[in-house]
Amino acid sequence: MSERFTLIGLGDSPMPEFSTTVRDAIAVHRVFAGGERHHMLVEGLLPCGYRWITIEPPIDNILAMLRAEPEPITVFASGDPFFYGFGATLQRAFPGASFVSYPWFHSLQRVAQLGLLPYQKMRHASLTGRSWKELDALLIAGAPLIGVLTDHRKTPAAIASRLIEYGFCKYSLIVGEALGGPEERVRRLSPEAAEKELFHQLNSVVLLADNPPERLFGISEDLFEGLHGRPGMITKMPVRMATLSRLNLLNARNFWDIGFCTGSVSIEAKLLVPELDVIAFERRPECADILECNCRRFRTPGISKVMGDFILQDHESFVKPFGSVDSVFIGGHGGRIDALFPVIDRWLSPGGRVVVNAVRETSLQAFRALFSGAGYNMSDDLRIVPGNHYPVTVATAEKPGKRS
């Protein structure tokens, strides 16, 4: 196994400029790795008789090849190898190896330089082979300057479409294309213009808002799109706030909302903790469109919607990548708390919390009996009378132990 990796950052220039130190490092190595584009950029600088390992999926196969290589390896990467780069992957795969890194400006630094932007204030999100989660969280949090790494699917135009769909139109897109090369250019576009534009396949995006949208929290129930003919079928704002406080979401990684109806609890949870994985379950088909409408209305992308009977779902798929769920809200159970209990108990993490809003005393007693009987720690109940509505009891159970 190689005990040493030399990592060299590249820009998009067809004629890379390296310091004497980097050139000397290249000259003394015989084994190199990188993407096909990296190979084309540096091929003329490599020593005679070199061996090249192309870094491409599946990465596990590439790591096995690197692990079997007896000689030190030089790895070429785009920009800074440790900024969403292959360097971090190598560190995880080879914890005992030593590393030397010669970074280059990564693409977002280059866009900031060309656009005269205060780079120290920039938050970052990578969409390269990833979901929208990082970007969604920064948008919900109202970050005024966001650097975004793109890929062939999540392009500047796709980003613009998402901004428009969820009402983040106060952001401008500063798109850097073919950075460092002869075709380099930087453009500032509105989301509406960027959605219709064609861009170079090599690009990065900076989102800039002088006045990001105001953050919402504690939303009045009359502002939500409601269930047709049943406007009262929503968790009232005071009850919702008490419920969120009892769920301990600030220390949670993921959250299940069982029986989301209008989505008010899921939406407020996402607004409170933008990076939280929120999965909302509901069996009434008409609620699907209501949730989507309210997510757009209150600028909360990233809530995962699951329609159908909660009991019949493949719950294991909803705890990835954590292996468990940290917080669960039972907003609707149809008199089946006893059926929900074994599912929740199986997947809830140690120290995780379950909260129910009970109107009927029978529901409250069933919740207490099931969870206290299983050794859960029961918090004092909160009894709230929201306006002219029926009293609601917010009951909380915490699973023994601490999350690892």
Protein backbone atom coordinates (compact mmCIF):
# COMPACT_ATOMS: atom_id res chain seq x y z
CA MET A 1 0.00 0.00 0.00
CA SER A 2 1.21 3.50 -0.81
CA GLU A 3 2.14 5.47 2.28
CA ARG A 4 2.26 8.77 0.45
CA PHE A 5 -0.06 10.73 -1.80
CA THR A 6 0.87 13.94 -3.58
CA LEU A 7 -2.21 15.91 -4.61
CA ILE A 8 -1.97 18.61 -7.28
CA GLY A 9 -4.78 21.04 -8.05
CA LEU A 10 -5.59 22.06 -11.61
CA GLY A 11 -7.55 24.88 -13.21
CA ASP A 12 -9.18 24.66 -16.64
CA SER A 13 -6.25 26.17 -18.55
CA PRO A 14 -5.07 23.89 -21.40
CA MET A 15 -1.50 24.83 -20.41
CA PRO A 16 -1.20 24.41 -16.62
CA GLU A 17 1.43 26.55 -14.92
CA PHE A 18 3.22 24.78 -12.06
CA SER A 19 5.84 25.97 -9.63
CA THR A 20 9.30 24.39 -9.64
CA THR A 21 8.34 22.41 -6.52
CA VAL A 22 5.32 20.89 -8.24
CA ARG A 23 7.25 20.11 -11.41
CA ASP A 24 9.93 18.37 -9.35
CA ALA A 25 7.25 16.33 -7.58
CA ILE A 26 5.82 15.23 -10.93
CA ALA A 27 9.25 14.32 -12.28
CA VAL A 28 10.11 11.90 -9.46
CA HIS A 29 6.83 9.96 -9.57
CA ARG A 30 5.79 7.15 -11.91
CA VAL A 31 2.17 6.52 -10.90
CA PHE A 32 -0.49 9.17 -11.48
CA ALA A 33 -4.24 9.33 -11.07
CA GLY A 34 -7.02 11.73 -12.01
CA GLY A 35 -9.98 12.19 -14.32
CA GLU A 36 -9.80 11.90 -18.09
CA ARG A 37 -9.85 15.70 -18.43
CA HIS A 38 -6.97 16.00 -15.96
CA HIS A 39 -5.00 13.47 -18.02
CA MET A 40 -5.45 15.53 -21.18
CA LEU A 41 -4.26 18.68 -19.40
CA VAL A 42 -1.05 17.21 -17.93
CA GLU A 43 -0.14 14.39 -20.31
CA GLY A 44 2.68 16.37 -21.91
CA LEU A 45 4.28 17.04 -18.50
CA LEU A 46 4.43 13.45 -17.26
CA PRO A 47 7.71 11.48 -17.26
CA CYS A 48 8.42 8.63 -19.66
CA GLY A 49 7.03 5.26 -18.67
CA TYR A 50 4.37 6.66 -16.33
CA ARG A 51 1.23 4.73 -15.35
CA TRP A 52 -2.15 6.46 -15.19
CA ILE A 53 -5.17 5.42 -13.10
CA THR A 54 -8.39 7.06 -14.28
CA ILE A 55 -10.61 8.13 -11.40
CA GLU A 56 -14.19 7.31 -12.35
CA PRO A 57 -17.14 5.46 -10.80
CA PRO A 58 -17.35 3.09 -9.08
CA ILE A 59 -14.94 4.76 -6.68
CA ASP A 60 -14.53 1.61 -4.57
CA ASN A 61 -12.80 -0.05 -7.54
CA ILE A 62 -10.42 2.91 -7.91
CA LEU A 63 -9.59 2.85 -4.20
CA ALA A 64 -8.80 -0.87 -4.48
CA MET A 65 -6.38 -0.14 -7.35
CA LEU A 66 -4.70 2.61 -5.36
CA ARG A 67 -4.48 0.35 -2.32
CA ALA A 68 -2.72 -2.32 -4.38
CA GLU A 69 -0.20 0.13 -5.82
CA PRO A 70 3.23 -0.25 -4.13
CA GLU A 71 4.63 3.10 -5.30
CA PRO A 72 3.79 6.63 -4.13
CA ILE A 73 0.96 8.16 -6.17
CA THR A 74 0.41 11.66 -7.53
CA VAL A 75 -3.26 12.58 -7.84
CA PHE A 76 -4.51 15.44 -10.00
CA ALA A 77 -7.76 17.11 -8.97
CA SER A 78 -9.72 20.22 -9.89
CA GLY A 79 -8.89 23.29 -7.83
CA ASP A 80 -8.27 22.49 -4.18
CA PRO A 81 -8.22 18.67 -3.69
CA PHE A 82 -9.67 19.12 -0.19
CA PHE A 83 -12.55 21.40 -1.21
CA TYR A 84 -15.31 18.89 -2.03
CA GLY A 85 -12.51 17.01 -3.71
CA PHE A 86 -10.90 13.59 -3.93
CA GLY A 87 -8.48 14.45 -1.13
CA ALA A 88 -11.09 13.89 1.57
CA THR A 89 -12.05 10.56 0.00
CA LEU A 90 -8.43 9.44 0.11
CA GLN A 91 -8.06 10.50 3.74
CA ARG A 92 -11.04 8.36 4.72
CA ALA A 93 -9.85 5.38 2.68
CA PHE A 94 -6.17 5.62 3.74
CA PRO A 95 -6.13 6.87 7.34
CA GLY A 96 -2.50 5.82 7.85
CA ALA A 97 -1.11 7.44 4.69
CA SER A 98 0.74 10.74 4.51
CA PHE A 99 -0.38 13.53 2.18
CA VAL A 100 1.19 16.52 0.47
CA SER A 101 -1.14 18.95 -1.29
CA TYR A 102 -0.46 21.67 -3.86
CA PRO A 103 -3.88 23.29 -4.34
CA TRP A 104 -4.98 25.62 -7.08
CA PHE A 105 -7.77 28.17 -6.91
CA HIS A 106 -11.03 26.25 -6.91
CA SER A 107 -13.77 27.45 -9.21
CA LEU A 108 -15.77 29.38 -6.62
CA GLN A 109 -12.68 31.32 -5.56
CA ARG A 110 -12.12 32.21 -9.20
CA VAL A 111 -15.72 33.41 -9.66
CA ALA A 112 -15.40 35.51 -6.50
CA GLN A 113 -12.15 37.05 -7.76
CA LEU A 114 -13.56 37.89 -11.17
CA GLY A 115 -16.84 39.13 -9.71
CA LEU A 116 -15.13 41.17 -6.97
CA LEU A 117 -17.11 39.33 -4.29
CA PRO A 118 -16.22 39.10 -0.56
CA TYR A 119 -15.16 35.47 -0.61
CA GLN A 120 -14.84 35.26 3.19
CA LYS A 121 -18.63 35.66 3.49
CA MET A 122 -19.45 32.88 1.05
CA ARG A 123 -21.29 29.72 2.15
CA HIS A 124 -20.82 26.64 -0.01
CA ALA A 125 -22.95 23.86 -1.44
CA SER A 126 -22.00 21.03 -3.77
CA LEU A 127 -24.52 19.61 -6.23
CA THR A 128 -21.89 17.46 -7.95
CA GLY A 129 -23.44 14.00 -7.86
CA ARG A 130 -25.43 15.07 -4.80
CA SER A 131 -28.97 16.02 -3.85
CA TRP A 132 -30.30 19.55 -3.43
CA LYS A 133 -30.00 19.29 0.37
CA GLU A 134 -26.99 21.56 0.98
CA LEU A 135 -28.26 24.30 -1.31
CA ASP A 136 -31.84 24.07 0.03
CA ALA A 137 -30.59 24.50 3.61
CA LEU A 138 -28.60 27.63 2.74
CA LEU A 139 -31.51 29.15 0.84
CA ILE A 140 -33.93 28.51 3.70
CA ALA A 141 -31.39 29.97 6.14
CA GLY A 142 -31.21 33.13 4.02
CA ALA A 143 -27.47 33.04 3.29
CA PRO A 144 -26.76 36.15 1.16
CA LEU A 145 -23.76 34.71 -0.72
CA ILE A 146 -23.75 31.04 -1.74
CA GLY A 147 -21.16 29.30 -3.89
CA VAL A 148 -22.53 26.28 -5.75
CA LEU A 149 -20.63 23.48 -7.47
CA THR A 150 -22.71 22.11 -10.36
CA ASP A 151 -22.82 18.98 -12.48
CA HIS A 152 -24.35 17.95 -15.82
CA ARG A 153 -27.82 17.55 -14.26
CA LYS A 154 -27.93 20.32 -11.68
CA THR A 155 -26.88 23.05 -14.09
CA PRO A 156 -27.18 26.83 -13.67
CA ALA A 157 -30.50 26.63 -15.51
CA ALA A 158 -31.76 23.89 -13.17
CA ILE A 159 -30.68 25.95 -10.16
CA ALA A 160 -32.56 28.94 -11.56
CA SER A 161 -35.69 26.81 -11.97
CA ARG A 162 -35.50 25.75 -8.33
CA LEU A 163 -35.08 29.34 -7.18
CA ILE A 164 -38.16 30.33 -9.15
CA GLU A 165 -40.26 27.37 -8.00
CA TYR A 166 -39.65 28.09 -4.31
CA GLY A 167 -39.77 31.86 -4.42
CA PHE A 168 -36.07 32.71 -4.04
CA CYS A 169 -36.13 35.22 -6.87
CA LYS A 170 -34.22 37.89 -4.93
CA TYR A 171 -31.05 35.96 -5.74
CA SER A 172 -28.96 36.68 -8.83
CA LEU A 173 -26.86 33.95 -10.43
CA ILE A 174 -23.23 34.80 -11.12
CA VAL A 175 -22.13 32.03 -13.49
CA GLY A 176 -18.47 31.36 -14.19
CA GLU A 177 -17.80 29.28 -17.32
CA ALA A 178 -14.62 27.54 -18.51
CA LEU A 179 -12.73 29.23 -15.72
CA GLY A 180 -9.02 29.66 -16.30
CA GLY A 181 -9.27 28.72 -19.96
CA PRO A 182 -9.46 30.73 -23.19
CA GLU A 183 -13.29 30.61 -23.15
CA GLU A 184 -13.54 31.93 -19.60
CA ARG A 185 -16.39 34.30 -18.87
CA VAL A 186 -18.51 35.40 -15.91
CA ARG A 187 -22.11 36.56 -16.25
CA ARG A 188 -24.67 37.88 -13.75
CA LEU A 189 -28.21 36.81 -14.56
CA SER A 190 -31.64 36.86 -12.98
CA PRO A 191 -33.20 33.45 -12.28
CA GLU A 192 -35.70 34.08 -15.09
CA ALA A 193 -32.91 34.77 -17.59
CA ALA A 194 -30.65 31.93 -16.38
CA GLU A 195 -33.47 29.38 -16.65
CA LYS A 196 -33.59 29.92 -20.43
CA GLU A 197 -29.84 30.27 -21.03
CA LEU A 198 -27.32 27.75 -22.36
CA PHE A 199 -24.02 27.48 -20.49
CA HIS A 200 -20.60 25.95 -21.01
CA GLN A 201 -20.46 22.42 -19.54
CA LEU A 202 -17.70 23.55 -17.14
CA ASN A 203 -19.29 26.05 -14.82
CA SER A 204 -19.81 27.13 -11.22
CA VAL A 205 -22.45 29.41 -9.74
CA VAL A 206 -22.49 32.03 -7.02
CA LEU A 207 -25.91 33.11 -5.72
CA LEU A 208 -26.00 36.69 -4.50
CA ALA A 209 -28.84 38.48 -2.71
CA ASP A 210 -28.50 42.00 -1.35
CA ASN A 211 -31.67 41.39 0.69
CA PRO A 212 -32.43 37.67 1.07
CA PRO A 213 -36.07 36.72 1.70
CA GLU A 214 -37.25 37.21 5.28
CA ARG A 215 -37.14 34.03 7.34
CA LEU A 216 -40.47 32.74 8.63
CA PHE A 217 -41.33 30.96 11.86
CA GLY A 218 -44.54 30.68 13.87
CA ILE A 219 -46.84 30.97 10.85
CA SER A 220 -50.52 31.67 11.42
CA GLU A 221 -52.64 28.69 10.38
CA ASP A 222 -54.90 30.85 8.19
CA LEU A 223 -51.93 31.47 5.85
CA PHE A 224 -51.62 27.79 4.93
CA GLU A 225 -53.47 26.15 2.08
CA GLY A 226 -55.90 23.90 3.93
CA LEU A 227 -57.86 20.73 3.43
CA HIS A 228 -60.90 21.48 1.25
CA GLY A 229 -64.04 21.79 3.35
CA ARG A 230 -62.10 21.24 6.60
CA PRO A 231 -60.14 24.43 7.30
CA GLY A 232 -59.72 23.49 10.96
CA MET A 233 -57.68 20.38 10.09
CA ILE A 234 -54.30 21.90 10.85
CA THR A 235 -52.00 21.96 13.86
CA LYS A 236 -52.68 25.38 15.36
CA MET A 237 -49.71 27.72 15.67
CA PRO A 238 -49.34 27.66 19.50
CA VAL A 239 -49.61 23.89 19.54
CA ARG A 240 -47.16 23.66 16.63
CA MET A 241 -44.58 25.78 18.46
CA ALA A 242 -44.87 23.67 21.63
CA THR A 243 -44.61 20.49 19.58
CA LEU A 244 -41.43 21.65 17.82
CA SER A 245 -39.82 22.57 21.13
CA ARG A 246 -40.54 19.11 22.55
CA LEU A 247 -39.13 17.32 19.50
CA ASN A 248 -35.59 18.58 20.24
CA LEU A 249 -35.05 19.23 16.55
CA LEU A 250 -31.99 21.43 17.10
CA ASN A 251 -30.12 18.26 18.08
CA ALA A 252 -31.73 15.97 15.50
CA ARG A 253 -30.47 14.79 12.15
CA ASN A 254 -33.81 13.61 10.76
CA PHE A 255 -37.51 13.87 11.50
CA TRP A 256 -40.67 11.89 10.64
CA ASP A 257 -44.01 13.71 10.47
CA ILE A 258 -46.70 11.01 10.51
CA GLY A 259 -49.99 12.32 9.14
CA PHE A 260 -48.77 15.64 7.72
CA CYS A 261 -52.16 16.90 6.39
CA THR A 262 -51.28 20.50 5.38
CA GLY A 263 -47.56 20.03 6.14
CA SER A 264 -47.51 22.83 8.74
CA VAL A 265 -45.33 20.92 11.23
CA SER A 266 -42.92 19.66 8.56
CA ILE A 267 -42.59 23.14 7.10
CA GLU A 268 -41.95 24.82 10.46
CA ALA A 269 -39.43 22.08 11.34
CA LYS A 270 -37.54 22.75 8.09
CA LEU A 271 -37.63 26.50 8.68
CA LEU A 272 -36.26 26.02 12.20
CA VAL A 273 -33.50 23.58 11.18
CA PRO A 274 -32.85 23.96 7.42
CA GLU A 275 -30.33 21.07 7.29
CA LEU A 276 -32.78 18.62 8.91
CA ASP A 277 -33.92 15.62 6.85
CA VAL A 278 -37.73 15.88 6.97
CA ILE A 279 -39.90 12.99 5.77
CA ALA A 280 -43.65 13.61 5.79
CA PHE A 281 -46.14 10.72 5.67
CA GLU A 282 -49.83 10.96 4.76
CA ARG A 283 -52.45 8.54 3.42
CA ARG A 284 -55.03 11.08 2.17
CA PRO A 285 -54.13 11.63 -1.52
CA GLU A 286 -55.55 15.17 -1.61
CA CYS A 287 -52.89 16.26 0.89
CA ALA A 288 -50.07 15.69 -1.60
CA ASP A 289 -50.85 18.83 -3.61
CA ILE A 290 -51.57 20.79 -0.42
CA LEU A 291 -48.08 20.05 0.93
CA GLU A 292 -46.42 21.02 -2.34
CA CYS A 293 -48.40 24.26 -2.45
CA ASN A 294 -47.46 25.18 1.11
CA CYS A 295 -43.79 24.28 0.59
CA ARG A 296 -43.64 26.71 -2.33
CA ARG A 297 -45.63 29.33 -0.42
CA PHE A 298 -43.28 29.29 2.56
CA ARG A 299 -40.03 28.65 0.65
CA THR A 300 -39.23 25.23 2.09
CA PRO A 301 -37.73 22.93 -0.56
CA GLY A 302 -36.36 19.55 0.42
CA ILE A 303 -39.23 17.96 2.39
CA SER A 304 -39.64 14.34 1.30
CA LYS A 305 -43.27 13.34 0.80
CA VAL A 306 -44.45 9.73 1.25
CA MET A 307 -48.06 8.91 0.40
CA GLY A 308 -49.93 5.85 1.64
CA ASP A 309 -50.40 3.95 4.87
CA PHE A 310 -47.42 4.60 7.15
CA ILE A 311 -47.56 1.09 8.59
CA LEU A 312 -47.06 -0.47 5.15
CA GLN A 313 -43.99 1.58 4.14
CA ASP A 314 -40.41 0.35 3.78
CA HIS A 315 -39.24 2.24 6.85
CA GLU A 316 -35.61 1.19 6.52
CA SER A 317 -35.28 3.32 3.40
CA PHE A 318 -36.36 6.41 5.36
CA VAL A 319 -33.59 6.26 7.97
CA LYS A 320 -30.69 6.35 5.52
CA PRO A 321 -27.90 7.32 5.89
CA PHE A 322 -28.20 7.47 9.68
CA GLY A 323 -29.74 4.05 10.38
CA SER A 324 -32.37 5.48 12.73
CA VAL A 325 -34.70 8.46 13.17
CA ASP A 326 -34.14 11.09 15.86
CA SER A 327 -37.56 12.77 16.14
CA VAL A 328 -41.09 11.62 15.35
CA PHE A 329 -44.36 13.56 15.43
CA ILE A 330 -47.64 11.67 15.41
CA GLY A 331 -49.99 14.18 13.86
CA GLY A 332 -52.53 11.61 12.76
CA HIS A 333 -52.95 7.98 13.71
CA GLY A 334 -56.58 7.07 13.04
CA GLY A 335 -56.86 5.38 16.40
CA ARG A 336 -53.90 3.12 15.64
CA ILE A 337 -51.21 4.29 18.05
CA ASP A 338 -50.78 0.66 19.09
CA ALA A 339 -49.89 -0.22 15.47
CA LEU A 340 -47.52 2.72 15.11
CA PHE A 341 -45.64 1.97 18.31
CA PRO A 342 -43.58 -1.09 17.22
CA VAL A 343 -42.46 0.67 14.03
CA ILE A 344 -41.42 3.83 15.84
CA ASP A 345 -39.78 1.88 18.66
CA ARG A 346 -37.73 -0.15 16.19
CA TRP A 347 -36.34 2.81 14.27
CA LEU A 348 -36.11 5.57 16.88
CA SER A 349 -32.54 6.33 17.93
CA PRO A 350 -31.50 6.22 21.61
CA GLY A 351 -32.31 9.63 23.07
CA GLY A 352 -34.81 10.22 20.26
CA ARG A 353 -38.18 11.79 20.96
CA VAL A 354 -41.77 11.08 20.00
CA VAL A 355 -44.49 13.73 20.36
CA VAL A 356 -48.23 13.34 19.94
CA ASN A 357 -50.97 15.97 19.94
CA ALA A 358 -53.91 14.34 21.69
CA VAL A 359 -57.45 15.73 21.69
CA ARG A 360 -59.10 12.58 23.01
CA GLU A 361 -58.22 11.25 26.43
CA THR A 362 -58.20 7.70 25.04
CA SER A 363 -55.41 8.61 22.61
CA LEU A 364 -53.40 10.23 25.37
CA GLN A 365 -53.76 7.23 27.66
CA ALA A 366 -52.81 4.81 24.89
CA PHE A 367 -49.66 6.84 24.10
CA ARG A 368 -48.62 6.97 27.74
CA ALA A 369 -49.23 3.28 28.31
CA LEU A 370 -47.32 2.11 25.25
CA PHE A 371 -44.22 4.27 25.61
CA SER A 372 -43.92 4.34 29.40
CA GLY A 373 -44.48 0.59 29.43
CA ALA A 374 -41.47 0.21 27.11
CA GLY A 375 -39.24 2.21 29.47
CA TYR A 376 -39.41 5.57 27.70
CA ASN A 377 -38.91 8.72 29.74
CA MET A 378 -42.17 10.69 29.78
CA SER A 379 -42.07 14.51 30.00
CA ASP A 380 -44.76 16.53 31.71
CA ASP A 381 -47.69 17.04 29.38
CA LEU A 382 -48.51 20.48 27.97
CA ARG A 383 -52.24 21.29 27.75
CA ILE A 384 -52.97 24.10 25.30
CA VAL A 385 -56.28 25.71 24.39
CA PRO A 386 -55.73 27.35 20.97
CA GLY A 387 -58.34 30.12 20.61
CA ASN A 388 -61.88 28.78 20.51
CA HIS A 389 -60.80 25.24 19.66
CA TYR A 390 -60.70 22.06 21.73
CA PRO A 391 -57.85 21.68 24.23
CA VAL A 392 -54.84 19.77 22.89
CA THR A 393 -52.36 17.85 25.04
CA VAL A 394 -48.78 17.77 23.78
CA ALA A 395 -47.28 14.55 25.16
CA THR A 396 -43.61 13.58 24.82
CA ALA A 397 -41.68 10.32 25.17
CA GLU A 398 -37.89 9.98 25.01
CA LYS A 399 -36.18 6.70 24.26
CA PRO A 400 -33.58 5.69 26.89
CA GLY A 401 -29.88 5.98 26.04
CA LYS A 402 -27.74 8.36 24.02
CA ARG A 403 -27.28 8.49 20.28
CA SER A 404 -23.85 7.23 19.22
